[in-house]
Amino acid sequence: MGDSANDLEMLQAVGCPIAMGNAAPQVQAAAARTVADNSHDGAAQAILSCLE
């Protein structure tokens, strides 16, 4: 999961890229899904969704 341009290479390398809700537009475009922002438990949502 990522939220800024420095995360783009990582997101392109993984099987299920996840963008945080506060992510830059180009990061959200590179992601398979977007979760809530950092202030609203987005990281927890991303982790839990991978465990389902």
Protein backbone atom coordinates (compact mmCIF):
# COMPACT_ATOMS: atom_id res chain seq x y z
CA MET A 1 0.00 0.00 0.00
CA GLY A 2 1.16 3.51 -0.70
CA ASP A 3 0.18 7.14 -0.87
CA SER A 4 2.85 9.11 -2.72
CA ALA A 5 4.80 9.11 -5.97
CA ASN A 6 7.77 7.37 -4.34
CA ASP A 7 5.49 4.32 -3.87
CA LEU A 8 4.63 3.92 -7.58
CA GLU A 9 7.45 1.49 -8.40
CA MET A 10 6.49 -0.70 -5.44
CA LEU A 11 2.80 -0.65 -6.37
CA GLN A 12 3.64 -1.69 -9.93
CA ALA A 13 5.70 -4.64 -8.65
CA VAL A 14 3.13 -6.22 -6.32
CA GLY A 15 0.16 -8.42 -7.13
CA CYS A 16 -2.50 -6.34 -5.39
CA PRO A 17 -1.55 -2.66 -5.17
CA ILE A 18 -3.57 -0.65 -2.64
CA ALA A 19 -3.68 3.15 -2.44
CA MET A 20 -4.51 5.08 0.68
CA GLY A 21 -7.50 7.42 0.43
CA ASN A 22 -5.20 10.43 0.75
CA ALA A 23 -2.91 9.17 -2.03
CA ALA A 24 -1.82 11.30 -4.94
CA PRO A 25 -3.99 10.84 -8.05
CA GLN A 26 -1.28 8.96 -9.98
CA VAL A 27 -0.93 6.53 -7.07
CA GLN A 28 -4.67 5.89 -6.96
CA ALA A 29 -4.62 5.29 -10.72
CA ALA A 30 -1.89 2.64 -10.31
CA ALA A 31 -3.76 0.82 -7.54
CA ALA A 32 -6.22 -2.05 -7.83
CA ARG A 33 -8.19 -0.60 -4.93
CA THR A 34 -8.27 2.36 -2.59
CA VAL A 35 -8.94 2.27 1.15
CA ALA A 36 -9.69 5.04 3.63
CA ASP A 37 -7.09 7.69 4.37
CA ASN A 38 -4.47 7.49 7.10
CA SER A 39 -6.68 9.24 9.63
CA HIS A 40 -9.53 6.78 9.14
CA ASP A 41 -7.78 3.42 9.60
CA GLY A 42 -6.95 2.92 5.93
CA ALA A 43 -3.85 0.86 6.70
CA ALA A 44 -5.90 -1.47 8.90
CA GLN A 45 -8.54 -1.80 6.16
CA ALA A 46 -5.86 -2.71 3.63
CA ILE A 47 -4.30 -5.36 5.87
CA LEU A 48 -7.65 -6.88 6.82
CA SER A 49 -8.79 -7.00 3.19
CA CYS A 50 -5.68 -9.05 2.31
CA LEU A 51 -6.50 -11.54 5.06
CA GLU A 52 -10.04 -12.22 3.80
